[in-house]
Amino acid sequence: MTQEQQRPPIEVRITPNDGGSPAGKLADAELIFTTGALAGLKLLGFAIWERRNKDGRNVTFPARQYSINGERRSFALLRPVTETKAQDEVRDLILSAYARWEAENPSAPVEQDHTSDAYF
C-alpha cells in the first residue's frame, strides 16, 4: 500500500481562536482534500463554537452574507444535494478533529498563543 492510498481523502486543519473574540468561538477549521478531483484544494470558513448553555459544541459552515432591503441574510456555500445527513458527517468529522486537538493540547487553553496549527 502506498502513502497516497493510506491518506484519508479529507484532512481537518484546526486553528485555535487565540484572541477569545467573538465570545464562545473555540477555533476555525478547514477541510483539506488529499485525493480525487479536489486534491490540493481546501475549503475554509468552518468555525467551532461552545454552545450557549455550555452543553456541547457546534460547527458553523461557510456562508456568504448579503443584504436585502437592509436585512442581513446568509447564503450557505456548502449544502447537501439530497440528504442533510451529509452535513452531519462533516460536522462530526470536524468535532472529532477538534476533540483530538484538545486531547493533544490539554495544558493549552484556547486563549493562549499557539505556534502551529493541527492537522487531523
PDB file of N, CA and C in Angstrom:
ATOM      1  N   MET A   1       0.842  -1.182   0.000  1.00  0.00           N
ATOM      2  CA  MET A   1       0.000   0.000   0.000  1.00  0.00           C
ATOM      3  C   MET A   1       0.888   1.246   0.000  1.00  0.00           C
ATOM      4  N   THR A   2       0.628   2.185  -0.872  1.00  0.00           N
ATOM      5  CA  THR A   2       1.444   3.391  -0.973  1.00  0.00           C
ATOM      6  C   THR A   2       0.976   4.432   0.035  1.00  0.00           C
ATOM      7  N   GLN A   3       1.810   5.442   0.199  1.00  0.00           N
ATOM      8  CA  GLN A   3       1.474   6.555   1.110  1.00  0.00           C
ATOM      9  C   GLN A   3       0.173   7.217   0.674  1.00  0.00           C
ATOM     10  N   GLU A   4      -0.023   7.382  -0.643  1.00  0.00           N
ATOM     11  CA  GLU A   4      -1.226   8.036  -1.162  1.00  0.00           C
ATOM     12  C   GLU A   4      -2.479   7.236  -0.824  1.00  0.00           C
ATOM     13  N   GLN A   5      -2.398   5.908  -0.853  1.00  0.00           N
ATOM     14  CA  GLN A   5      -3.554   5.073  -0.556  1.00  0.00           C
ATOM     15  C   GLN A   5      -3.894   5.101   0.932  1.00  0.00           C
ATOM     16  N   GLN A   6      -2.936   5.370   1.791  1.00  0.00           N
ATOM     17  CA  GLN A   6      -3.166   5.374   3.226  1.00  0.00           C
ATOM     18  C   GLN A   6      -3.740   6.695   3.725  1.00  0.00           C
ATOM     19  N   ARG A   7      -3.580   7.758   2.980  1.00  0.00           N
ATOM     20  CA  ARG A   7      -4.076   9.068   3.416  1.00  0.00           C
ATOM     21  C   ARG A   7      -5.596   9.119   3.344  1.00  0.00           C
ATOM     22  N   PRO A   8      -6.214   9.743   4.332  1.00  0.00           N
ATOM     23  CA  PRO A   8      -7.663   9.915   4.237  1.00  0.00           C
ATOM     24  C   PRO A   8      -7.969  10.928   3.117  1.00  0.00           C
ATOM     25  N   PRO A   9      -9.133  10.837   2.509  1.00  0.00           N
ATOM     26  CA  PRO A   9      -9.449  11.761   1.408  1.00  0.00           C
ATOM     27  C   PRO A   9      -9.589  13.211   1.860  1.00  0.00           C
ATOM     28  N   ILE A  10      -9.872  13.409   3.151  1.00  0.00           N
ATOM     29  CA  ILE A  10     -10.032  14.757   3.708  1.00  0.00           C
ATOM     30  C   ILE A  10      -9.285  14.829   5.033  1.00  0.00           C
ATOM     31  N   GLU A  11      -8.489  15.880   5.202  1.00  0.00           N
ATOM     32  CA  GLU A  11      -7.863  16.169   6.486  1.00  0.00           C
ATOM     33  C   GLU A  11      -8.516  17.430   7.040  1.00  0.00           C
ATOM     34  N   VAL A  12      -8.570  17.520   8.352  1.00  0.00           N
ATOM     35  CA  VAL A  12      -9.146  18.698   9.007  1.00  0.00           C
ATOM     36  C   VAL A  12      -8.016  19.469   9.664  1.00  0.00           C
ATOM     37  N   ARG A  13      -7.926  20.745   9.369  1.00  0.00           N
ATOM     38  CA  ARG A  13      -6.917  21.617   9.982  1.00  0.00           C
ATOM     39  C   ARG A  13      -7.627  22.487  11.018  1.00  0.00           C
ATOM     40  N   ILE A  14      -7.147  22.415  12.252  1.00  0.00           N
ATOM     41  CA  ILE A  14      -7.721  23.185  13.360  1.00  0.00           C
ATOM     42  C   ILE A  14      -6.810  24.373  13.657  1.00  0.00           C
ATOM     43  N   THR A  15      -7.395  25.561  13.707  1.00  0.00           N
ATOM     44  CA  THR A  15      -6.667  26.770  14.087  1.00  0.00           C
ATOM     45  C   THR A  15      -7.387  27.369  15.293  1.00  0.00           C
ATOM     46  N   PRO A  16      -6.790  27.280  16.482  1.00  0.00           N
ATOM     47  CA  PRO A  16      -7.477  27.768  17.693  1.00  0.00           C
ATOM     48  C   PRO A  16      -7.743  29.267  17.639  1.00  0.00           C
ATOM     49  N   ASN A  17      -8.802  29.682  18.299  1.00  0.00           N
ATOM     50  CA  ASN A  17      -9.166  31.090  18.395  1.00  0.00           C
ATOM     51  C   ASN A  17      -8.368  31.719  19.529  1.00  0.00           C
ATOM     52  N   ASP A  18      -7.213  32.236  19.202  1.00  0.00           N
ATOM     53  CA  ASP A  18      -6.305  32.784  20.215  1.00  0.00           C
ATOM     54  C   ASP A  18      -6.823  34.058  20.866  1.00  0.00           C
ATOM     55  N   GLY A  19      -7.577  34.849  20.147  1.00  0.00           N
ATOM     56  CA  GLY A  19      -7.998  36.136  20.671  1.00  0.00           C
ATOM     57  C   GLY A  19      -9.168  36.081  21.631  1.00  0.00           C
ATOM     58  N   GLY A  20      -9.923  34.992  21.633  1.00  0.00           N
ATOM     59  CA  GLY A  20     -11.079  34.898  22.510  1.00  0.00           C
ATOM     60  C   GLY A  20     -12.267  35.722  22.048  1.00  0.00           C
ATOM     61  N   SER A  21     -12.202  36.260  20.845  1.00  0.00           N
ATOM     62  CA  SER A  21     -13.287  37.068  20.315  1.00  0.00           C
ATOM     63  C   SER A  21     -13.648  36.531  18.941  1.00  0.00           C
ATOM     64  N   PRO A  22     -14.897  36.355  18.662  1.00  0.00           N
ATOM     65  CA  PRO A  22     -16.066  36.590  19.496  1.00  0.00           C
ATOM     66  C   PRO A  22     -16.197  35.546  20.603  1.00  0.00           C
ATOM     67  N   ALA A  23     -16.974  35.904  21.604  1.00  0.00           N
ATOM     68  CA  ALA A  23     -17.165  35.016  22.752  1.00  0.00           C
ATOM     69  C   ALA A  23     -17.778  33.697  22.303  1.00  0.00           C
ATOM     70  N   GLY A  24     -17.241  32.613  22.824  1.00  0.00           N
ATOM     71  CA  GLY A  24     -17.767  31.291  22.513  1.00  0.00           C
ATOM     72  C   GLY A  24     -17.113  30.608  21.336  1.00  0.00           C
ATOM     73  N   LYS A  25     -16.369  31.353  20.524  1.00  0.00           N
ATOM     74  CA  LYS A  25     -15.707  30.746  19.370  1.00  0.00           C
ATOM     75  C   LYS A  25     -14.434  30.061  19.842  1.00  0.00           C
ATOM     76  N   LEU A  26     -14.343  28.752  19.601  1.00  0.00           N
ATOM     77  CA  LEU A  26     -13.201  27.970  20.056  1.00  0.00           C
ATOM     78  C   LEU A  26     -12.097  27.883  19.015  1.00  0.00           C
ATOM     79  N   ALA A  27     -12.479  27.709  17.739  1.00  0.00           N
ATOM     80  CA  ALA A  27     -11.469  27.501  16.704  1.00  0.00           C
ATOM     81  C   ALA A  27     -12.095  27.642  15.322  1.00  0.00           C
ATOM     82  N   ASP A  28     -11.228  27.783  14.337  1.00  0.00           N
ATOM     83  CA  ASP A  28     -11.611  27.703  12.932  1.00  0.00           C
ATOM     84  C   ASP A  28     -11.168  26.346  12.417  1.00  0.00           C
ATOM     85  N   ALA A  29     -11.813  25.875  11.368  1.00  0.00           N
ATOM     86  CA  ALA A  29     -11.438  24.598  10.771  1.00  0.00           C
ATOM     87  C   ALA A  29     -11.468  24.717   9.253  1.00  0.00           C
ATOM     88  N   GLU A  30     -10.567  23.978   8.615  1.00  0.00           N
ATOM     89  CA  GLU A  30     -10.515  23.895   7.158  1.00  0.00           C
ATOM     90  C   GLU A  30     -10.549  22.426   6.779  1.00  0.00           C
ATOM     91  N   LEU A  31     -11.167  22.127   5.667  1.00  0.00           N
ATOM     92  CA  LEU A  31     -11.119  20.780   5.104  1.00  0.00           C
ATOM     93  C   LEU A  31     -10.076  20.792   3.993  1.00  0.00           C
ATOM     94  N   ILE A  32      -9.093  19.919   4.082  1.00  0.00           N
ATOM     95  CA  ILE A  32      -8.021  19.815   3.087  1.00  0.00           C
ATOM     96  C   ILE A  32      -8.254  18.529   2.317  1.00  0.00           C
ATOM     97  N   PHE A  33      -8.435  18.626   1.016  1.00  0.00           N
ATOM     98  CA  PHE A  33      -8.694  17.463   0.177  1.00  0.00           C
ATOM     99  C   PHE A  33      -7.357  16.886  -0.280  1.00  0.00           C
ATOM    100  N   THR A  34      -7.167  15.583  -0.057  1.00  0.00           N
ATOM    101  CA  THR A  34      -5.879  14.953  -0.339  1.00  0.00           C
ATOM    102  C   THR A  34      -5.910  14.018  -1.539  1.00  0.00           C
ATOM    103  N   THR A  35      -7.094  13.597  -1.960  1.00  0.00           N
ATOM    104  CA  THR A  35      -7.196  12.704  -3.107  1.00  0.00           C
ATOM    105  C   THR A  35      -8.362  13.120  -3.986  1.00  0.00           C
ATOM    106  N   GLY A  36      -8.412  12.567  -5.174  1.00  0.00           N
ATOM    107  CA  GLY A  36      -9.529  12.818  -6.077  1.00  0.00           C
ATOM    108  C   GLY A  36      -9.415  14.145  -6.806  1.00  0.00           C
ATOM    109  N   ALA A  37     -10.512  14.546  -7.407  1.00  0.00           N
ATOM    110  CA  ALA A  37     -10.537  15.757  -8.235  1.00  0.00           C
ATOM    111  C   ALA A  37     -10.257  17.031  -7.435  1.00  0.00           C
ATOM    112  N   LEU A  38     -10.517  17.016  -6.135  1.00  0.00           N
ATOM    113  CA  LEU A  38     -10.294  18.199  -5.298  1.00  0.00           C
ATOM    114  C   LEU A  38      -8.940  18.180  -4.578  1.00  0.00           C
ATOM    115  N   ALA A  39      -8.114  17.177  -4.854  1.00  0.00           N
ATOM    116  CA  ALA A  39      -6.804  17.075  -4.193  1.00  0.00           C
ATOM    117  C   ALA A  39      -6.011  18.361  -4.396  1.00  0.00           C
ATOM    118  N   GLY A  40      -5.435  18.841  -3.299  1.00  0.00           N
ATOM    119  CA  GLY A  40      -4.648  20.072  -3.344  1.00  0.00           C
ATOM    120  C   GLY A  40      -5.466  21.323  -3.070  1.00  0.00           C
ATOM    121  N   LEU A  41      -6.760  21.172  -2.860  1.00  0.00           N
ATOM    122  CA  LEU A  41      -7.620  22.314  -2.550  1.00  0.00           C
ATOM    123  C   LEU A  41      -8.092  22.221  -1.108  1.00  0.00           C
ATOM    124  N   LYS A  42      -8.543  23.356  -0.562  1.00  0.00           N
ATOM    125  CA  LYS A  42      -9.088  23.361   0.785  1.00  0.00           C
ATOM    126  C   LYS A  42     -10.363  24.185   0.803  1.00  0.00           C
ATOM    127  N   LEU A  43     -11.249  23.822   1.723  1.00  0.00           N
ATOM    128  CA  LEU A  43     -12.495  24.545   1.932  1.00  0.00           C
ATOM    129  C   LEU A  43     -12.425  25.130   3.327  1.00  0.00           C
ATOM    130  N   LEU A  44     -12.454  26.449   3.403  1.00  0.00           N
ATOM    131  CA  LEU A  44     -12.348  27.094   4.702  1.00  0.00           C
ATOM    132  C   LEU A  44     -13.621  27.830   5.044  1.00  0.00           C
ATOM    133  N   GLY A  45     -13.691  28.301   6.263  1.00  0.00           N
ATOM    134  CA  GLY A  45     -14.866  29.034   6.708  1.00  0.00           C
ATOM    135  C   GLY A  45     -15.685  28.302   7.763  1.00  0.00           C
ATOM    136  N   PHE A  46     -15.205  27.150   8.220  1.00  0.00           N
ATOM    137  CA  PHE A  46     -15.889  26.435   9.292  1.00  0.00           C
ATOM    138  C   PHE A  46     -15.436  27.019  10.630  1.00  0.00           C
ATOM    139  N   ALA A  47     -16.320  27.031  11.614  1.00  0.00           N
ATOM    140  CA  ALA A  47     -15.961  27.510  12.945  1.00  0.00           C
ATOM    141  C   ALA A  47     -16.565  26.576  13.995  1.00  0.00           C
ATOM    142  N   ILE A  48     -15.819  26.372  15.071  1.00  0.00           N
ATOM    143  CA  ILE A  48     -16.264  25.527  16.180  1.00  0.00           C
ATOM    144  C   ILE A  48     -16.611  26.451  17.336  1.00  0.00           C
ATOM    145  N   TRP A  49     -17.806  26.268  17.880  1.00  0.00           N
ATOM    146  CA  TRP A  49     -18.334  27.140  18.922  1.00  0.00           C
ATOM    147  C   TRP A  49     -18.747  26.332  20.140  1.00  0.00           C
ATOM    148  N   GLU A  50     -18.589  26.937  21.306  1.00  0.00           N
ATOM    149  CA  GLU A  50     -19.152  26.388  22.543  1.00  0.00           C
ATOM    150  C   GLU A  50     -20.629  26.763  22.532  1.00  0.00           C
ATOM    151  N   ARG A  51     -21.494  25.811  22.829  1.00  0.00           N
ATOM    152  CA  ARG A  51     -22.928  26.131  22.871  1.00  0.00           C
ATOM    153  C   ARG A  51     -23.200  27.112  24.003  1.00  0.00           C
ATOM    154  N   ARG A  52     -24.218  27.916  23.836  1.00  0.00           N
ATOM    155  CA  ARG A  52     -24.535  28.951  24.832  1.00  0.00           C
ATOM    156  C   ARG A  52     -24.787  28.369  26.215  1.00  0.00           C
ATOM    157  N   ASN A  53     -25.414  27.203  26.261  1.00  0.00           N
ATOM    158  CA  ASN A  53     -25.693  26.587  27.555  1.00  0.00           C
ATOM    159  C   ASN A  53     -24.523  25.723  28.037  1.00  0.00           C
ATOM    160  N   LYS A  54     -23.386  25.808  27.335  1.00  0.00           N
ATOM    161  CA  LYS A  54     -22.151  25.068  27.681  1.00  0.00           C
ATOM    162  C   LYS A  54     -22.337  23.555  27.583  1.00  0.00           C
ATOM    163  N   ASP A  55     -23.396  23.126  26.906  1.00  0.00           N
ATOM    164  CA  ASP A  55     -23.682  21.699  26.775  1.00  0.00           C
ATOM    165  C   ASP A  55     -23.308  21.228  25.369  1.00  0.00           C
ATOM    166  N   GLY A  56     -22.011  21.113  25.115  1.00  0.00           N
ATOM    167  CA  GLY A  56     -21.570  20.605  23.819  1.00  0.00           C
ATOM    168  C   GLY A  56     -20.999  21.681  22.920  1.00  0.00           C
ATOM    169  N   ARG A  57     -20.767  21.270  21.688  1.00  0.00           N
ATOM    170  CA  ARG A  57     -20.136  22.132  20.691  1.00  0.00           C
ATOM    171  C   ARG A  57     -20.978  22.165  19.430  1.00  0.00           C
ATOM    172  N   ASN A  58     -20.789  23.192  18.643  1.00  0.00           N
ATOM    173  CA  ASN A  58     -21.489  23.335  17.378  1.00  0.00           C
ATOM    174  C   ASN A  58     -20.491  23.748  16.305  1.00  0.00           C
ATOM    175  N   VAL A  59     -20.779  23.407  15.072  1.00  0.00           N
ATOM    176  CA  VAL A  59     -19.949  23.803  13.943  1.00  0.00           C
ATOM    177  C   VAL A  59     -20.797  24.632  12.997  1.00  0.00           C
ATOM    178  N   THR A  60     -20.298  25.810  12.631  1.00  0.00           N
ATOM    179  CA  THR A  60     -20.956  26.594  11.593  1.00  0.00           C
ATOM    180  C   THR A  60     -20.217  26.355  10.280  1.00  0.00           C
ATOM    181  N   PHE A  61     -20.972  26.370   9.200  1.00  0.00           N
ATOM    182  CA  PHE A  61     -20.453  26.089   7.873  1.00  0.00           C
ATOM    183  C   PHE A  61     -20.178  27.387   7.119  1.00  0.00           C
ATOM    184  N   PRO A  62     -19.342  27.316   6.085  1.00  0.00           N
ATOM    185  CA  PRO A  62     -19.042  28.523   5.310  1.00  0.00           C
ATOM    186  C   PRO A  62     -20.318  29.134   4.728  1.00  0.00           C
ATOM    187  N   ALA A  63     -20.405  30.450   4.802  1.00  0.00           N
ATOM    188  CA  ALA A  63     -21.576  31.154   4.283  1.00  0.00           C
ATOM    189  C   ALA A  63     -21.163  32.539   3.802  1.00  0.00           C
ATOM    190  N   ARG A  64     -21.957  33.073   2.927  1.00  0.00           N
ATOM    191  CA  ARG A  64     -21.739  34.425   2.391  1.00  0.00           C
ATOM    192  C   ARG A  64     -22.883  35.296   2.875  1.00  0.00           C
ATOM    193  N   GLN A  65     -22.547  36.410   3.505  1.00  0.00           N
ATOM    194  CA  GLN A  65     -23.582  37.316   3.985  1.00  0.00           C
ATOM    195  C   GLN A  65     -23.919  38.335   2.901  1.00  0.00           C
ATOM    196  N   TYR A  66     -25.194  38.719   2.865  1.00  0.00           N
ATOM    197  CA  TYR A  66     -25.647  39.737   1.928  1.00  0.00           C
ATOM    198  C   TYR A  66     -26.832  40.466   2.550  1.00  0.00           C
ATOM    199  N   SER A  67     -27.204  41.577   1.970  1.00  0.00           N
ATOM    200  CA  SER A  67     -28.324  42.368   2.485  1.00  0.00           C
ATOM    201  C   SER A  67     -29.386  42.552   1.419  1.00  0.00           C
ATOM    202  N   ILE A  68     -30.634  42.457   1.861  1.00  0.00           N
ATOM    203  CA  ILE A  68     -31.780  42.767   1.011  1.00  0.00           C
ATOM    204  C   ILE A  68     -32.670  43.696   1.819  1.00  0.00           C
ATOM    205  N   ASN A  69     -32.893  44.884   1.292  1.00  0.00           N
ATOM    206  CA  ASN A  69     -33.703  45.898   1.979  1.00  0.00           C
ATOM    207  C   ASN A  69     -33.214  46.141   3.401  1.00  0.00           C
ATOM    208  N   GLY A  70     -31.912  46.164   3.586  1.00  0.00           N
ATOM    209  CA  GLY A  70     -31.322  46.434   4.882  1.00  0.00           C
ATOM    210  C   GLY A  70     -31.302  45.252   5.832  1.00  0.00           C
ATOM    211  N   GLU A  71     -31.854  44.123   5.419  1.00  0.00           N
ATOM    212  CA  GLU A  71     -31.876  42.932   6.263  1.00  0.00           C
ATOM    213  C   GLU A  71     -30.707  42.027   5.893  1.00  0.00           C
ATOM    214  N   ARG A  72     -29.906  41.665   6.900  1.00  0.00           N
ATOM    215  CA  ARG A  72     -28.763  40.779   6.658  1.00  0.00           C
ATOM    216  C   ARG A  72     -29.238  39.343   6.545  1.00  0.00           C
ATOM    217  N   ARG A  73     -28.755  38.689   5.500  1.00  0.00           N
ATOM    218  CA  ARG A  73     -29.075  37.285   5.286  1.00  0.00           C
ATOM    219  C   ARG A  73     -27.793  36.522   5.030  1.00  0.00           C
ATOM    220  N   SER A  74     -27.900  35.209   5.046  1.00  0.00           N
ATOM    221  CA  SER A  74     -26.737  34.358   4.866  1.00  0.00           C
ATOM    222  C   SER A  74     -27.053  33.288   3.822  1.00  0.00           C
ATOM    223  N   PHE A  75     -26.106  33.064   2.911  1.00  0.00           N
ATOM    224  CA  PHE A  75     -26.234  32.064   1.855  1.00  0.00           C
ATOM    225  C   PHE A  75     -25.215  30.969   2.120  1.00  0.00           C
ATOM    226  N   ALA A  76     -25.675  29.759   2.431  1.00  0.00           N
ATOM    227  CA  ALA A  76     -24.775  28.640   2.739  1.00  0.00           C
ATOM    228  C   ALA A  76     -23.999  28.240   1.486  1.00  0.00           C
ATOM    229  N   LEU A  77     -22.690  28.114   1.614  1.00  0.00           N
ATOM    230  CA  LEU A  77     -21.839  27.754   0.485  1.00  0.00           C
ATOM    231  C   LEU A  77     -21.661  26.250   0.329  1.00  0.00           C
ATOM    232  N   LEU A  78     -21.902  25.498   1.379  1.00  0.00           N
ATOM    233  CA  LEU A  78     -21.797  24.042   1.325  1.00  0.00           C
ATOM    234  C   LEU A  78     -23.139  23.486   1.776  1.00  0.00           C
ATOM    235  N   ARG A  79     -23.850  22.857   0.842  1.00  0.00           N
ATOM    236  CA  ARG A  79     -25.187  22.365   1.145  1.00  0.00           C
ATOM    237  C   ARG A  79     -25.347  20.927   0.681  1.00  0.00           C
ATOM    238  N   PRO A  80     -26.219  20.180   1.341  1.00  0.00           N
ATOM    239  CA  PRO A  80     -26.449  18.802   0.906  1.00  0.00           C
ATOM    240  C   PRO A  80     -27.200  18.769  -0.428  1.00  0.00           C
ATOM    241  N   VAL A  81     -26.883  17.774  -1.238  1.00  0.00           N
ATOM    242  CA  VAL A  81     -27.578  17.609  -2.509  1.00  0.00           C
ATOM    243  C   VAL A  81     -28.989  17.096  -2.264  1.00  0.00           C
ATOM    244  N   THR A  82     -29.102  16.049  -1.441  1.00  0.00           N
ATOM    245  CA  THR A  82     -30.426  15.490  -1.166  1.00  0.00           C
ATOM    246  C   THR A  82     -30.697  15.315   0.325  1.00  0.00           C
ATOM    247  N   GLU A  83     -29.750  14.750   1.061  1.00  0.00           N
ATOM    248  CA  GLU A  83     -29.993  14.447   2.468  1.00  0.00           C
ATOM    249  C   GLU A  83     -29.084  15.281   3.371  1.00  0.00           C
ATOM    250  N   THR A  84     -29.646  15.764   4.467  1.00  0.00           N
ATOM    251  CA  THR A  84     -28.863  16.565   5.403  1.00  0.00           C
ATOM    252  C   THR A  84     -27.868  15.721   6.187  1.00  0.00           C
ATOM    253  N   LYS A  85     -27.950  14.393   6.080  1.00  0.00           N
ATOM    254  CA  LYS A  85     -27.021  13.510   6.774  1.00  0.00           C
ATOM    255  C   LYS A  85     -25.580  13.806   6.355  1.00  0.00           C
ATOM    256  N   ALA A  86     -25.376  14.221   5.120  1.00  0.00           N
ATOM    257  CA  ALA A  86     -24.030  14.544   4.643  1.00  0.00           C
ATOM    258  C   ALA A  86     -23.434  15.679   5.472  1.00  0.00           C
ATOM    259  N   GLN A  87     -24.223  16.688   5.801  1.00  0.00           N
ATOM    260  CA  GLN A  87     -23.736  17.787   6.650  1.00  0.00           C
ATOM    261  C   GLN A  87     -23.396  17.285   8.045  1.00  0.00           C
ATOM    262  N   ASP A  88     -24.190  16.375   8.559  1.00  0.00           N
ATOM    263  CA  ASP A  88     -23.924  15.823   9.889  1.00  0.00           C
ATOM    264  C   ASP A  88     -22.581  15.107   9.921  1.00  0.00           C
ATOM    265  N   GLU A  89     -22.244  14.390   8.858  1.00  0.00           N
ATOM    266  CA  GLU A  89     -20.974  13.673   8.796  1.00  0.00           C
ATOM    267  C   GLU A  89     -19.794  14.641   8.782  1.00  0.00           C
ATOM    268  N   VAL A  90     -19.926  15.751   8.051  1.00  0.00           N
ATOM    269  CA  VAL A  90     -18.868  16.766   8.030  1.00  0.00           C
ATOM    270  C   VAL A  90     -18.742  17.405   9.407  1.00  0.00           C
ATOM    271  N   ARG A  91     -19.867  17.717  10.027  1.00  0.00           N
ATOM    272  CA  ARG A  91     -19.865  18.315  11.372  1.00  0.00           C
ATOM    273  C   ARG A  91     -19.178  17.366  12.364  1.00  0.00           C
ATOM    274  N   ASP A  92     -19.510  16.079  12.297  1.00  0.00           N
ATOM    275  CA  ASP A  92     -18.904  15.095  13.194  1.00  0.00           C
ATOM    276  C   ASP A  92     -17.402  14.961  12.942  1.00  0.00           C
ATOM    277  N   LEU A  93     -16.987  15.003  11.680  1.00  0.00           N
ATOM    278  CA  LEU A  93     -15.566  14.932  11.332  1.00  0.00           C
ATOM    279  C   LEU A  93     -14.798  16.097  11.952  1.00  0.00           C
ATOM    280  N   ILE A  94     -15.356  17.297  11.869  1.00  0.00           N
ATOM    281  CA  ILE A  94     -14.702  18.490  12.414  1.00  0.00           C
ATOM    282  C   ILE A  94     -14.682  18.449  13.945  1.00  0.00           C
ATOM    283  N   LEU A  95     -15.794  18.066  14.559  1.00  0.00           N
ATOM    284  CA  LEU A  95     -15.834  17.986  16.021  1.00  0.00           C
ATOM    285  C   LEU A  95     -14.880  16.918  16.552  1.00  0.00           C
ATOM    286  N   SER A  96     -14.758  15.815  15.830  1.00  0.00           N
ATOM    287  CA  SER A  96     -13.826  14.761  16.215  1.00  0.00           C
ATOM    288  C   SER A  96     -12.380  15.256  16.137  1.00  0.00           C
ATOM    289  N   ALA A  97     -12.051  15.985  15.073  1.00  0.00           N
ATOM    290  CA  ALA A  97     -10.699  16.542  14.924  1.00  0.00           C
ATOM    291  C   ALA A  97     -10.409  17.538  16.041  1.00  0.00           C
ATOM    292  N   TYR A  98     -11.402  18.351  16.406  1.00  0.00           N
ATOM    293  CA  TYR A  98     -11.187  19.316  17.482  1.00  0.00           C
ATOM    294  C   TYR A  98     -10.991  18.600  18.824  1.00  0.00           C
ATOM    295  N   ALA A  99     -11.753  17.536  19.056  1.00  0.00           N
ATOM    296  CA  ALA A  99     -11.594  16.762  20.303  1.00  0.00           C
ATOM    297  C   ALA A  99     -10.189  16.169  20.378  1.00  0.00           C
ATOM    298  N   ARG A 100      -9.660  15.674  19.241  1.00  0.00           N
ATOM    299  CA  ARG A 100      -8.289  15.149  19.235  1.00  0.00           C
ATOM    300  C   ARG A 100      -7.292  16.270  19.489  1.00  0.00           C
ATOM    301  N   TRP A 101      -7.524  17.433  18.904  1.00  0.00           N
ATOM    302  CA  TRP A 101      -6.626  18.579  19.126  1.00  0.00           C
ATOM    303  C   TRP A 101      -6.622  18.951  20.614  1.00  0.00           C
ATOM    304  N   GLU A 102      -7.812  18.994  21.219  1.00  0.00           N
ATOM    305  CA  GLU A 102      -7.910  19.308  22.649  1.00  0.00           C
ATOM    306  C   GLU A 102      -7.161  18.287  23.497  1.00  0.00           C
ATOM    307  N   ALA A 103      -7.292  17.007  23.148  1.00  0.00           N
ATOM    308  CA  ALA A 103      -6.626  15.951  23.910  1.00  0.00           C
ATOM    309  C   ALA A 103      -5.111  16.061  23.803  1.00  0.00           C
ATOM    310  N   GLU A 104      -4.620  16.506  22.667  1.00  0.00           N
ATOM    311  CA  GLU A 104      -3.182  16.646  22.460  1.00  0.00           C
ATOM    312  C   GLU A 104      -2.633  17.949  23.044  1.00  0.00           C
ATOM    313  N   ASN A 105      -3.506  18.863  23.398  1.00  0.00           N
ATOM    314  CA  ASN A 105      -3.099  20.158  23.946  1.00  0.00           C
ATOM    315  C   ASN A 105      -3.834  20.440  25.258  1.00  0.00           C
ATOM    316  N   PRO A 106      -3.762  19.531  26.240  1.00  0.00           N
ATOM    317  CA  PRO A 106      -4.554  19.699  27.463  1.00  0.00           C
ATOM    318  C   PRO A 106      -4.157  20.908  28.299  1.00  0.00           C
ATOM    319  N   SER A 107      -2.908  21.299  28.242  1.00  0.00           N
ATOM    320  CA  SER A 107      -2.475  22.418  29.067  1.00  0.00           C
ATOM    321  C   SER A 107      -2.482  23.734  28.292  1.00  0.00           C
ATOM    322  N   ALA A 108      -3.023  23.713  27.103  1.00  0.00           N
ATOM    323  CA  ALA A 108      -3.035  24.918  26.266  1.00  0.00           C
ATOM    324  C   ALA A 108      -4.470  25.353  26.035  1.00  0.00           C
ATOM    325  N   PRO A 109      -5.033  26.163  26.962  1.00  0.00           N
ATOM    326  CA  PRO A 109      -6.384  26.665  26.729  1.00  0.00           C
ATOM    327  C   PRO A 109      -6.429  27.464  25.437  1.00  0.00           C
ATOM    328  N   VAL A 110      -7.591  27.562  24.865  1.00  0.00           N
ATOM    329  CA  VAL A 110      -7.754  28.239  23.582  1.00  0.00           C
ATOM    330  C   VAL A 110      -7.273  29.686  23.643  1.00  0.00           C
ATOM    331  N   GLU A 111      -7.356  30.320  24.805  1.00  0.00           N
ATOM    332  CA  GLU A 111      -6.970  31.723  24.917  1.00  0.00           C
ATOM    333  C   GLU A 111      -5.468  31.944  24.763  1.00  0.00           C
ATOM    334  N   GLN A 112      -4.648  30.883  24.954  1.00  0.00           N
ATOM    335  CA  GLN A 112      -3.197  31.049  24.858  1.00  0.00           C
ATOM    336  C   GLN A 112      -2.749  31.089  23.404  1.00  0.00           C
ATOM    337  N   ASP A 113      -1.540  31.634  23.183  1.00  0.00           N
ATOM    338  CA  ASP A 113      -0.969  31.647  21.847  1.00  0.00           C
ATOM    339  C   ASP A 113      -0.530  30.252  21.464  1.00  0.00           C
ATOM    340  N   HIS A 114      -0.708  29.917  20.200  1.00  0.00           N
ATOM    341  CA  HIS A 114      -0.290  28.623  19.669  1.00  0.00           C
ATOM    342  C   HIS A 114       0.654  28.887  18.512  1.00  0.00           C
ATOM    343  N   THR A 115       1.711  28.110  18.432  1.00  0.00           N
ATOM    344  CA  THR A 115       2.710  28.337  17.406  1.00  0.00           C
ATOM    345  C   THR A 115       2.443  27.553  16.128  1.00  0.00           C
ATOM    346  N   SER A 116       1.573  26.559  16.185  1.00  0.00           N
ATOM    347  CA  SER A 116       1.308  25.799  14.977  1.00  0.00           C
ATOM    348  C   SER A 116      -0.138  25.348  14.941  1.00  0.00           C
ATOM    349  N   ASP A 117      -0.598  25.106  13.746  1.00  0.00           N
ATOM    350  CA  ASP A 117      -1.931  24.585  13.549  1.00  0.00           C
ATOM    351  C   ASP A 117      -1.864  23.065  13.591  1.00  0.00           C
ATOM    352  N   ALA A 118      -2.985  22.428  13.719  1.00  0.00           N
ATOM    353  CA  ALA A 118      -3.015  20.965  13.814  1.00  0.00           C
ATOM    354  C   ALA A 118      -3.800  20.389  12.658  1.00  0.00           C
ATOM    355  N   TYR A 119      -3.286  19.290  12.129  1.00  0.00           N
ATOM    356  CA  TYR A 119      -3.973  18.571  11.051  1.00  0.00           C
ATOM    357  C   TYR A 119      -4.449  17.232  11.578  1.00  0.00           C
ATOM    358  N   PHE A 120      -5.675  16.822  11.203  1.00  0.00           N
ATOM    359  CA  PHE A 120      -6.212  15.530  11.616  1.00  0.00           C
ATOM    360  C   PHE A 120      -6.878  14.871  10.439  1.00  0.00           C
TER     361      PHE A 120
END
